[in-house]
Protein backbone atom coordinates (compact mmCIF):
# COMPACT_ATOMS: atom_id res chain seq x y z
CA MET A 1 -6.03 31.20 -6.45
CA GLU A 2 -7.35 27.60 -6.36
CA ARG A 3 -9.90 28.27 -9.12
CA ILE A 4 -7.23 29.95 -11.29
CA LYS A 5 -4.82 27.21 -10.92
CA GLU A 6 -7.62 24.69 -11.67
CA ILE A 7 -8.47 26.59 -15.02
CA VAL A 8 -4.67 26.98 -15.98
CA TYR A 9 -3.88 23.35 -15.35
CA THR A 10 -7.09 22.01 -16.89
CA PHE A 11 -6.56 24.06 -19.95
CA ALA A 12 -2.85 23.01 -20.24
CA PHE A 13 -3.78 19.26 -19.77
CA LYS A 14 -6.47 19.28 -22.44
CA ARG A 15 -4.03 21.13 -24.92
CA GLY A 16 -1.49 18.44 -23.98
CA LEU A 17 -3.90 15.79 -24.79
CA LEU A 18 -4.85 17.41 -28.22
CA TYR A 19 -1.12 17.80 -29.17
CA ALA A 20 -0.36 14.25 -28.20
CA GLU A 21 -3.25 13.09 -30.25
CA LYS A 22 -2.04 14.86 -33.29
CA ASN A 23 1.58 14.18 -32.81
CA ASN A 24 1.78 10.41 -31.99
CA LEU A 25 1.86 10.85 -28.30
CA GLN A 26 4.74 13.29 -28.28
CA GLY A 27 2.95 15.57 -26.03
CA LEU A 28 2.55 12.92 -23.07
CA ASN A 29 5.99 13.86 -21.72
CA ALA A 30 4.93 17.42 -21.46
CA ILE A 31 1.72 16.45 -19.69
CA LEU A 32 3.78 14.12 -17.34
CA ASN A 33 6.17 16.92 -16.60
CA LEU A 34 3.34 19.27 -15.65
CA LEU A 35 1.78 16.68 -13.39
CA GLY A 36 5.16 16.04 -11.80
CA LYS A 37 5.78 19.61 -11.05
CA VAL A 38 2.52 20.11 -8.98
CA ALA A 39 2.19 16.51 -7.46
CA ARG A 40 2.53 16.49 -3.68
CA ASP A 41 1.48 13.02 -2.88
CA LYS A 42 4.43 10.61 -2.86
CA ASP A 43 2.45 7.85 -4.30
CA HIS A 44 1.44 10.00 -7.29
CA ILE A 45 4.92 11.29 -7.84
CA THR A 46 6.12 7.49 -7.90
CA ALA A 47 3.50 6.84 -10.45
CA ILE A 48 4.39 9.68 -12.58
CA ASN A 49 8.03 8.83 -12.58
CA TYR A 50 7.00 5.16 -13.36
CA LEU A 51 5.12 6.32 -16.50
CA GLN A 52 7.92 8.66 -17.70
CA THR A 53 10.42 5.78 -17.56
CA TYR A 54 8.35 3.47 -19.68
CA LEU A 55 7.16 6.33 -22.08
CA ALA A 56 10.83 6.96 -22.87
CA ASP A 57 10.87 3.61 -24.56
CA SER A 58 8.91 3.76 -27.89
CA SER A 59 8.63 0.03 -27.81
CA SER A 60 7.32 -0.28 -24.31
CA SER A 61 3.79 -1.67 -23.54
CA PHE A 62 2.85 1.67 -22.00
CA ASN A 63 3.16 3.34 -25.37
CA LYS A 64 0.91 0.77 -26.93
CA LEU A 65 -1.45 1.27 -24.06
CA PHE A 66 -1.41 5.19 -24.66
CA GLN A 67 -2.07 4.51 -28.44
CA ASN A 68 -5.22 2.41 -27.40
CA VAL A 69 -6.42 5.26 -25.07
CA PHE A 70 -6.33 7.58 -28.11
CA THR A 71 -7.77 5.27 -30.71
CA GLN A 72 -10.50 3.49 -28.48
CA LEU A 73 -12.00 6.28 -26.38
CA ALA A 74 -14.48 8.62 -27.72
CA PRO A 75 -13.05 12.16 -27.48
CA ASN A 76 -15.29 13.19 -24.63
CA VAL A 77 -14.44 10.17 -22.57
CA ARG A 78 -10.84 10.81 -23.18
CA ASN A 79 -10.84 14.50 -22.42
CA THR A 80 -13.27 14.67 -19.63
CA PHE A 81 -12.37 11.50 -17.68
CA LEU A 82 -8.65 11.90 -17.90
CA THR A 83 -8.77 15.61 -17.02
CA ASN A 84 -10.79 14.89 -13.92
CA PHE A 85 -8.87 11.82 -13.00
CA PHE A 86 -5.24 13.32 -13.41
CA VAL A 87 -5.82 17.19 -12.85
CA LYS A 88 -8.87 17.48 -10.48
CA ALA A 89 -8.62 14.15 -8.50
CA THR A 90 -5.02 13.23 -8.49
CA LEU A 91 -3.39 16.69 -8.37
CA LEU A 92 -5.18 19.71 -7.36
CA GLY A 93 -7.86 17.78 -5.44
CA ARG A 94 -5.21 15.71 -3.69
CA GLN A 95 -3.23 18.76 -2.79
CA LYS A 96 -6.36 20.27 -0.98
CA ALA A 97 -6.96 16.80 0.70
CA LEU A 98 -3.61 16.57 2.15
CA LYS A 99 -3.79 20.15 3.51
CA THR A 100 -7.27 19.37 4.87
CA ALA A 101 -5.80 16.02 6.47
CA GLU A 102 -2.85 18.06 8.17
CA ASN A 103 -5.32 20.74 9.51
CA GLN A 104 -7.78 18.29 10.79
CA ASN A 105 -5.36 15.60 12.05
CA CYS A 106 -6.99 12.82 10.23
CA ASN A 107 -6.80 10.92 6.84
CA VAL A 108 -8.41 12.46 3.77
CA PRO A 109 -8.55 10.08 0.91
CA TRP A 110 -8.14 10.32 -2.76
CA THR A 111 -11.33 8.35 -3.40
CA ILE A 112 -14.44 6.99 -1.69
CA LEU A 113 -16.03 3.55 -2.42
CA MET A 114 -19.74 3.64 -1.94
CA ASP A 115 -22.45 1.12 -2.53
CA PRO A 116 -25.53 2.52 -4.11
CA THR A 117 -27.44 -0.66 -3.29
CA SER A 118 -26.85 -3.98 -1.63
CA SER A 119 -29.15 -5.77 -4.14
CA CYS A 120 -27.78 -7.69 -6.76
CA ASN A 121 -29.01 -10.00 -9.69
CA LEU A 122 -26.34 -12.53 -9.19
CA ASN A 123 -25.21 -14.71 -6.21
CA CYS A 124 -21.55 -15.27 -6.60
CA THR A 125 -19.75 -17.82 -4.38
CA GLY A 126 -17.75 -16.07 -1.66
CA CYS A 127 -18.87 -12.51 -2.43
CA TRP A 128 -18.13 -10.33 0.62
CA ALA A 129 -21.22 -8.11 -0.17
CA SER A 130 -23.52 -11.11 0.57
CA GLU A 131 -22.92 -10.59 4.19
CA TYR A 132 -24.97 -7.31 4.15
CA ASP A 133 -28.80 -6.94 4.18
CA HIS A 134 -29.85 -7.29 0.45
CA GLN A 135 -32.53 -4.65 0.54
CA THR A 136 -30.80 -1.59 1.56
CA SER A 137 -29.76 1.41 -0.58
CA LEU A 138 -28.30 4.80 -0.25
CA SER A 139 -30.77 7.32 -1.87
CA PHE A 140 -29.93 9.63 -4.74
CA ALA A 141 -29.79 12.65 -2.26
CA GLU A 142 -27.56 10.60 0.05
CA LEU A 143 -25.10 9.86 -2.58
CA ASP A 144 -25.08 13.37 -4.00
CA ASN A 145 -24.55 14.76 -0.33
CA ILE A 146 -21.50 12.38 0.11
CA ILE A 147 -20.04 13.81 -3.16
CA LYS A 148 -20.83 17.37 -2.25
CA GLN A 149 -19.01 16.86 1.07
CA GLY A 150 -16.19 15.04 -0.54
CA LYS A 151 -15.33 17.73 -3.02
CA LYS A 152 -15.11 20.29 -0.25
CA LEU A 153 -12.38 18.14 1.38
CA GLY A 154 -10.62 17.53 -1.89
CA ILE A 155 -12.07 14.26 -3.08
CA PHE A 156 -13.01 14.12 -6.80
CA MET A 157 -12.74 10.49 -7.51
CA TYR A 158 -15.72 8.24 -6.53
CA ILE A 159 -15.99 4.33 -6.95
CA TYR A 160 -19.25 2.26 -6.80
CA SER A 161 -19.56 -1.36 -5.68
CA GLY A 162 -22.51 -3.33 -4.32
CA GLY A 163 -24.49 -5.30 -4.52
CA GLU A 164 -24.55 -4.77 -8.29
CA PRO A 165 -24.31 -0.82 -8.73
CA LEU A 166 -25.77 -0.76 -12.26
CA MET A 167 -29.11 -1.67 -10.80
CA ARG A 168 -28.94 2.05 -10.04
CA LYS A 169 -27.55 2.98 -13.48
CA HIS A 170 -30.05 5.86 -14.13
CA ASP A 171 -29.04 7.45 -10.83
CA LEU A 172 -25.30 6.88 -11.33
CA ILE A 173 -25.47 8.71 -14.76
CA ALA A 174 -27.37 11.50 -13.20
CA LEU A 175 -24.72 11.84 -10.43
CA ALA A 176 -21.97 11.76 -13.10
CA GLU A 177 -23.70 14.55 -15.19
CA LYS A 178 -24.38 16.74 -12.09
CA HIS A 179 -20.78 16.35 -10.84
CA GLN A 180 -18.96 16.99 -14.21
CA ASP A 181 -15.80 17.87 -12.20
CA CYS A 182 -15.42 14.38 -10.86
CA ALA A 183 -14.23 11.06 -12.07
CA PHE A 184 -16.47 7.84 -11.55
CA LEU A 185 -15.79 4.26 -11.81
CA ALA A 186 -18.18 1.38 -11.14
CA PHE A 187 -17.23 -2.34 -10.43
CA THR A 188 -20.11 -4.33 -12.18
CA ASN A 189 -20.76 -7.95 -12.93
CA GLY A 190 -21.50 -6.64 -16.54
CA THR A 191 -24.85 -8.31 -17.07
CA LEU A 192 -26.72 -5.05 -17.15
CA VAL A 193 -25.13 -2.98 -19.74
CA ASP A 194 -26.90 -2.27 -22.86
CA ARG A 195 -26.27 -0.02 -25.97
CA ASN A 196 -28.18 2.84 -24.42
CA PHE A 197 -26.20 2.75 -21.25
CA ALA A 198 -22.92 2.49 -22.96
CA GLN A 199 -23.88 5.67 -25.19
CA GLU A 200 -24.89 7.59 -21.88
CA LEU A 201 -21.47 6.66 -20.45
CA VAL A 202 -19.89 8.32 -23.55
CA ARG A 203 -22.27 11.35 -23.29
CA VAL A 204 -21.42 12.26 -19.69
CA GLY A 205 -17.66 11.33 -20.32
CA ASN A 206 -16.47 11.09 -16.69
CA PHE A 207 -17.72 7.47 -15.80
CA VAL A 208 -15.96 4.18 -16.63
CA LEU A 209 -16.61 0.56 -15.78
CA ALA A 210 -14.67 -2.31 -14.38
CA PHE A 211 -15.96 -5.67 -15.36
CA SER A 212 -15.85 -8.47 -12.71
CA ILE A 213 -14.57 -11.53 -14.73
CA GLU A 214 -12.47 -14.54 -13.54
CA GLY A 215 -11.29 -16.21 -16.67
CA ILE A 216 -12.66 -17.52 -20.07
CA GLY A 217 -16.06 -19.29 -19.92
CA ALA A 218 -16.44 -21.76 -17.13
CA ALA A 219 -13.69 -20.07 -15.15
CA THR A 220 -16.05 -17.16 -14.54
CA ASP A 221 -19.45 -18.99 -14.73
CA ASN A 222 -18.39 -21.59 -12.06
CA ARG A 223 -18.42 -18.87 -9.54
CA ARG A 224 -20.82 -16.12 -10.90
CA GLY A 225 -23.47 -18.38 -12.68
CA THR A 226 -24.03 -20.06 -16.08
CA GLY A 227 -24.13 -17.56 -18.98
CA THR A 228 -22.54 -14.65 -17.03
CA TYR A 229 -19.21 -14.88 -19.15
CA ASP A 230 -20.94 -14.45 -22.26
CA LYS A 231 -22.98 -11.49 -20.97
CA VAL A 232 -19.94 -9.73 -19.78
CA ILE A 233 -18.09 -10.14 -23.23
CA LYS A 234 -21.24 -8.75 -25.13
CA SER A 235 -21.21 -5.80 -22.87
CA MET A 236 -17.40 -5.20 -23.53
CA ASP A 237 -18.28 -5.28 -27.14
CA LEU A 238 -21.17 -2.73 -26.63
CA MET A 239 -18.73 -0.51 -24.56
CA ARG A 240 -15.97 -0.52 -27.22
CA GLU A 241 -18.43 0.13 -30.14
CA ALA A 242 -19.58 3.07 -28.26
CA GLY A 243 -16.11 4.51 -27.36
CA ALA A 244 -16.81 4.00 -23.68
CA GLY A 245 -13.94 3.55 -21.21
CA PHE A 246 -13.60 0.29 -19.19
CA GLY A 247 -11.25 -2.45 -17.82
CA TYR A 248 -11.65 -5.62 -15.92
CA SER A 249 -11.45 -6.91 -12.17
CA SER A 250 -10.51 -10.31 -11.21
CA CYS A 251 -10.63 -12.07 -7.70
CA TYR A 252 -7.85 -14.39 -7.64
CA HIS A 253 -8.19 -17.50 -5.31
CA SER A 254 -6.84 -21.03 -4.85
CA GLN A 255 -8.79 -22.56 -7.80
CA ASN A 256 -8.51 -19.83 -10.59
CA ILE A 257 -5.01 -18.54 -10.52
CA ASP A 258 -4.00 -19.99 -13.87
CA ALA A 259 -7.32 -18.72 -15.41
CA VAL A 260 -7.09 -15.05 -14.54
CA ALA A 261 -3.29 -14.77 -14.88
CA SER A 262 -3.03 -16.68 -18.20
CA ASP A 263 -1.58 -14.98 -21.36
CA GLU A 264 -4.74 -16.22 -23.28
CA PHE A 265 -7.11 -14.49 -20.83
CA VAL A 266 -5.22 -11.23 -20.47
CA ASP A 267 -4.68 -11.00 -24.29
CA LEU A 268 -8.38 -11.43 -24.90
CA MET A 269 -9.30 -8.67 -22.32
CA ILE A 270 -7.07 -6.39 -24.32
CA GLU A 271 -8.52 -7.43 -27.57
CA LYS A 272 -11.92 -6.59 -26.17
CA GLY A 273 -10.88 -3.20 -25.27
CA CYS A 274 -9.85 -3.36 -21.57
CA LEU A 275 -7.42 -0.46 -20.74
CA PHE A 276 -6.91 -1.42 -17.06
CA ALA A 277 -6.77 -4.57 -14.84
CA TRP A 278 -7.36 -4.63 -11.15
CA TYR A 279 -6.72 -7.91 -9.31
CA PHE A 280 -7.83 -8.75 -5.75
CA THR A 281 -7.20 -11.78 -3.60
CA TYR A 282 -10.03 -13.69 -2.07
CA VAL A 283 -10.90 -12.56 1.41
CA PRO A 284 -12.95 -14.91 3.55
CA VAL A 285 -15.42 -12.46 5.16
CA GLY A 286 -18.42 -14.10 6.96
CA LYS A 287 -18.75 -17.26 9.15
CA LYS A 288 -19.66 -19.32 6.25
CA ALA A 289 -16.99 -18.12 4.01
CA ALA A 290 -15.20 -20.64 1.66
CA LEU A 291 -11.76 -20.99 3.31
CA GLU A 292 -10.67 -23.35 0.72
CA LEU A 293 -10.62 -20.39 -1.79
CA ILE A 294 -7.86 -18.56 0.06
CA ALA A 295 -4.75 -18.27 -2.38
CA LEU A 296 -1.84 -20.26 -0.93
CA PRO A 297 1.44 -18.50 -0.35
CA HIS A 298 3.07 -19.88 -3.46
CA GLN A 299 0.00 -18.78 -5.52
CA ARG A 300 0.06 -15.19 -4.15
CA GLU A 301 3.80 -15.15 -4.93
CA HIS A 302 3.09 -16.08 -8.39
CA MET A 303 0.53 -13.21 -8.66
CA TYR A 304 3.29 -10.90 -7.41
CA HIS A 305 5.63 -11.67 -10.13
CA ARG A 306 2.82 -12.01 -12.78
CA ILE A 307 1.31 -8.77 -12.30
CA ARG A 308 4.63 -7.04 -12.85
CA GLU A 309 5.17 -9.20 -15.94
CA ILE A 310 1.63 -8.24 -17.30
CA ARG A 311 2.43 -4.56 -16.52
CA ASN A 312 5.82 -4.59 -18.27
CA THR A 313 4.99 -6.60 -21.31
CA LYS A 314 1.22 -6.06 -22.19
CA PRO A 315 -0.67 -2.70 -23.23
CA ILE A 316 -2.85 -2.55 -20.22
CA PHE A 317 -2.31 -0.89 -16.68
CA ALA A 318 -2.50 -3.81 -14.31
CA LEU A 319 -2.36 -3.52 -10.45
CA ASP A 320 -2.82 -5.84 -7.52
CA PHE A 321 -4.86 -4.42 -4.40
CA TRP A 322 -2.49 -6.37 -2.15
CA ASN A 323 0.72 -7.24 -3.93
CA ASP A 324 1.33 -3.51 -5.06
CA GLY A 325 1.67 -2.59 -1.27
CA GLU A 326 5.36 -1.73 -1.76
CA SER A 327 4.42 0.90 -4.36
CA ILE A 328 2.18 2.68 -2.12
CA GLN A 329 3.85 2.07 1.32
CA GLY A 330 1.42 -0.48 2.60
CA CYS A 331 -2.35 -0.41 3.31
CA ILE A 332 -4.56 2.26 1.50
CA ALA A 333 -7.64 1.86 3.71
CA GLY A 334 -9.07 3.83 6.56
CA GLY A 335 -9.04 6.97 4.63
CA ARG A 336 -5.33 7.06 3.76
CA ASN A 337 -6.34 6.72 0.07
CA TYR A 338 -9.84 5.36 0.27
CA PHE A 339 -12.61 4.11 2.60
CA HIS A 340 -15.98 2.36 2.07
CA ILE A 341 -19.47 3.44 2.75
CA ASN A 342 -21.92 0.46 2.60
CA ALA A 343 -25.64 0.71 1.28
CA HIS A 344 -26.75 0.89 4.92
CA GLY A 345 -24.67 3.90 5.37
CA ASP A 346 -22.06 2.41 7.68
CA VAL A 347 -18.70 3.94 7.13
CA GLU A 348 -15.96 1.31 7.11
CA PRO A 349 -12.20 1.63 6.59
CA CYS A 350 -12.16 -0.85 3.73
CA ALA A 351 -14.72 -2.88 1.74
CA PHE A 352 -13.28 -6.09 3.27
CA ILE A 353 -13.30 -4.79 6.92
CA HIS A 354 -17.04 -4.90 8.07
CA TYR A 355 -16.64 -2.82 11.29
CA SER A 356 -17.55 0.79 11.98
CA ASN A 357 -18.22 3.18 14.65
CA VAL A 358 -20.48 5.73 12.51
CA ASN A 359 -23.13 5.95 10.02
CA ILE A 360 -23.24 8.64 7.18
CA ARG A 361 -26.65 9.31 8.01
CA ASP A 362 -25.79 10.54 11.44
CA CYS A 363 -22.47 12.34 10.83
CA THR A 364 -20.44 14.36 8.24
CA LEU A 365 -17.63 12.71 6.26
CA LEU A 366 -15.15 14.74 8.41
CA ASP A 367 -16.58 13.26 11.49
CA ALA A 368 -16.37 9.87 10.04
CA LEU A 369 -12.75 10.38 9.02
CA LYS A 370 -12.15 11.31 12.58
CA SER A 371 -13.88 8.47 14.09
CA PRO A 372 -12.23 5.96 16.56
CA LEU A 373 -11.52 3.12 14.06
CA PHE A 374 -10.27 5.57 11.48
CA ALA A 375 -8.02 7.31 14.01
CA GLN A 376 -6.80 3.84 14.99
CA TYR A 377 -5.81 3.24 11.16
CA ARG A 378 -4.04 6.57 11.05
CA GLU A 379 -2.03 5.84 14.12
CA ASN A 380 -0.93 2.33 13.09
CA GLN A 381 -0.31 2.62 9.41
CA PRO A 382 1.70 0.98 7.93
CA PHE A 383 0.80 -2.20 9.57
CA ASN A 384 4.08 -3.96 8.74
CA HIS A 385 7.62 -2.82 7.56
CA ASN A 386 7.23 -5.28 4.78
CA HIS A 387 4.84 -3.64 2.47
CA LEU A 388 4.21 -6.93 0.87
CA ARG A 389 2.23 -7.70 4.00
CA PRO A 390 0.00 -4.48 3.99
CA CYS A 391 -3.27 -5.67 5.19
CA PRO A 392 -4.45 -5.48 8.85
CA LEU A 393 -6.71 -8.37 8.15
CA MET A 394 -5.01 -10.95 5.66
CA ASP A 395 -1.54 -10.04 6.68
CA ASN A 396 -1.61 -8.82 10.15
CA PRO A 397 -4.72 -9.97 11.86
CA ASP A 398 -3.51 -9.11 15.36
CA LYS A 399 -3.57 -5.52 14.24
CA LEU A 400 -7.16 -5.43 13.19
CA ARG A 401 -8.37 -7.11 16.27
CA MET A 402 -6.58 -4.69 18.33
CA MET A 403 -7.85 -1.71 16.43
CA VAL A 404 -11.47 -2.83 16.44
CA ASN A 405 -11.39 -3.68 20.04
CA LYS A 406 -9.59 -0.41 21.21
CA SER A 407 -12.05 1.68 18.99
CA GLY A 408 -15.24 -0.18 20.16
CA ALA A 409 -16.35 -0.49 16.61
CA HIS A 410 -19.21 -2.93 15.74
CA SER A 411 -19.85 -5.57 13.00
CA THR A 412 -21.82 -4.06 9.92
CA GLN A 413 -22.78 -7.54 8.78
CA VAL A 414 -26.48 -7.55 9.49
CA LEU A 415 -26.90 -11.14 8.21
CA ASP A 416 -23.89 -12.54 9.91
CA MET A 417 -22.64 -10.47 13.01
CA GLU A 418 -19.10 -11.98 12.82
CA THR A 419 -16.84 -11.00 15.80
CA VAL A 420 -13.55 -9.49 15.01
CA GLU A 421 -11.96 -12.58 17.19
CA GLU A 422 -13.94 -15.02 14.74
CA LEU A 423 -12.78 -13.31 11.70
CA THR A 424 -9.04 -12.81 12.56
CA GLU A 425 -8.67 -16.30 14.20
CA LYS A 426 -9.34 -18.18 10.90
CA LEU A 427 -6.66 -15.96 9.26
CA GLN A 428 -3.82 -16.49 11.80
CA ASP A 429 -2.14 -19.41 9.97
CA VAL A 430 -2.81 -17.87 6.57
CA SER A 431 -1.08 -14.67 7.59
CA SER A 432 2.06 -16.48 9.13
CA ALA A 433 2.43 -18.71 6.14
CA TRP A 434 2.35 -15.73 3.66
CA GLY A 435 4.59 -13.67 5.90
CA LYS A 436 7.51 -16.21 5.58
CA VAL A 437 7.16 -16.10 1.78
CA ALA A 438 6.75 -12.27 1.73
CA ASP A 439 9.52 -11.64 4.01
CA ASN A 440 11.91 -13.68 1.75
CA ILE A 441 10.71 -11.77 -1.42
CA TRP A 442 11.16 -8.37 0.53
CA GLU A 443 14.64 -9.36 1.71
CA GLN A 444 15.70 -10.26 -1.79
CA ALA A 445 14.35 -7.36 -3.38
CA HIS A 446 15.98 -4.79 -0.95
CA THR A 447 19.19 -6.83 -1.00
CA SER A 448 19.30 -6.51 -4.94
CA LYS A 449 18.58 -2.64 -4.50
CA GLN A 450 21.23 -2.11 -1.96
CA GLU A 451 23.78 -3.91 -4.38
CA CYS A 452 22.85 -1.71 -7.12
CA GLY A 453 23.32 1.31 -4.95
CA ASP A 454 19.61 2.32 -4.66
CA ASP A 455 18.74 3.16 -1.02
């Protein structure tokens, strides 16, 4: 029955895409209605309703975004990636994952973030990956096995980080080709993309990129190295020329808020062909982390409002890993929606939480999801009733300290064995300061909803 359902919905979705392409997006409502009928995850239902609301307005930024999807992407990318992303990963796969989670009494995520390698051709200031051993990698067979196990649990979305994942680009293409029923995304510094690789992405169809960039010119080069910005822009041009799918990823911190949030920058990214934008706040992982880069409360508040303004006025899907917590009911880590496997095989609840009980080389994915630290995440999520304070590190450091100590998890930072006490101590004041601002935003937002009669 599951196979029959997959065939039916895949066929219907692809027919809807074809109809939408030929009839000026009119078929998209039918696609969203289909998705809405079978969606079971609350986060996905919220997202579908959100898209339907904006699609109803022909002048909305989402309509322009959908137009860009149909005019920029090569047909194989549009059909293969979108079908895998929405039907196999988000709907049918998610149903299976939630059923598995209920039966196994553990979290089973929507996606897995993996590091094919810890090696990188850049040395960016403040990079959380710099705390790992730079000479470790997951083999092709190990990556393949993780995906095989994940699919059995209902996971059909896979994301790569690093190090620089494109140092393994031939293996990543081979994995995308082997697992044509999955959707793949890689966060990349963008310096290793060439014309042949862009064409390979179009050929497999189910693999897109997120370019790490932090503003125009020096705003990017100051942290990532001279000439990096120009290389990223050249890579974007190659990707758009080929019809490959891509967006951008920006880490915002105390010194670049204006650069990454400006109209000039966002509009340029859209002009270059970016279809999505993913923002992260700077996290000071490591004993030598640059604490001065932590975004101040008023800056994080600015990004809270700015991300919504971008999403509502510009043809790009923008999200904020922290400030969109209210849309997904808090922290998504610990296997609730995602978790991280580093290049050494350590299974971590989050890319920013370098503690673990298990290594994927010694256990199955299901065993990892049932490990003590992951069990603590499941037991304690959400970590705050205010979903603008979702993170157990940046926003609720006492919670992280308690979970790591209770689970007996160890540090996975080979080059810098930072204790959880050392990590959380430096974030106590940061958490407290943001908490006051976040609570005020939360109270105002919910007061406004109650006045409008929205429970």
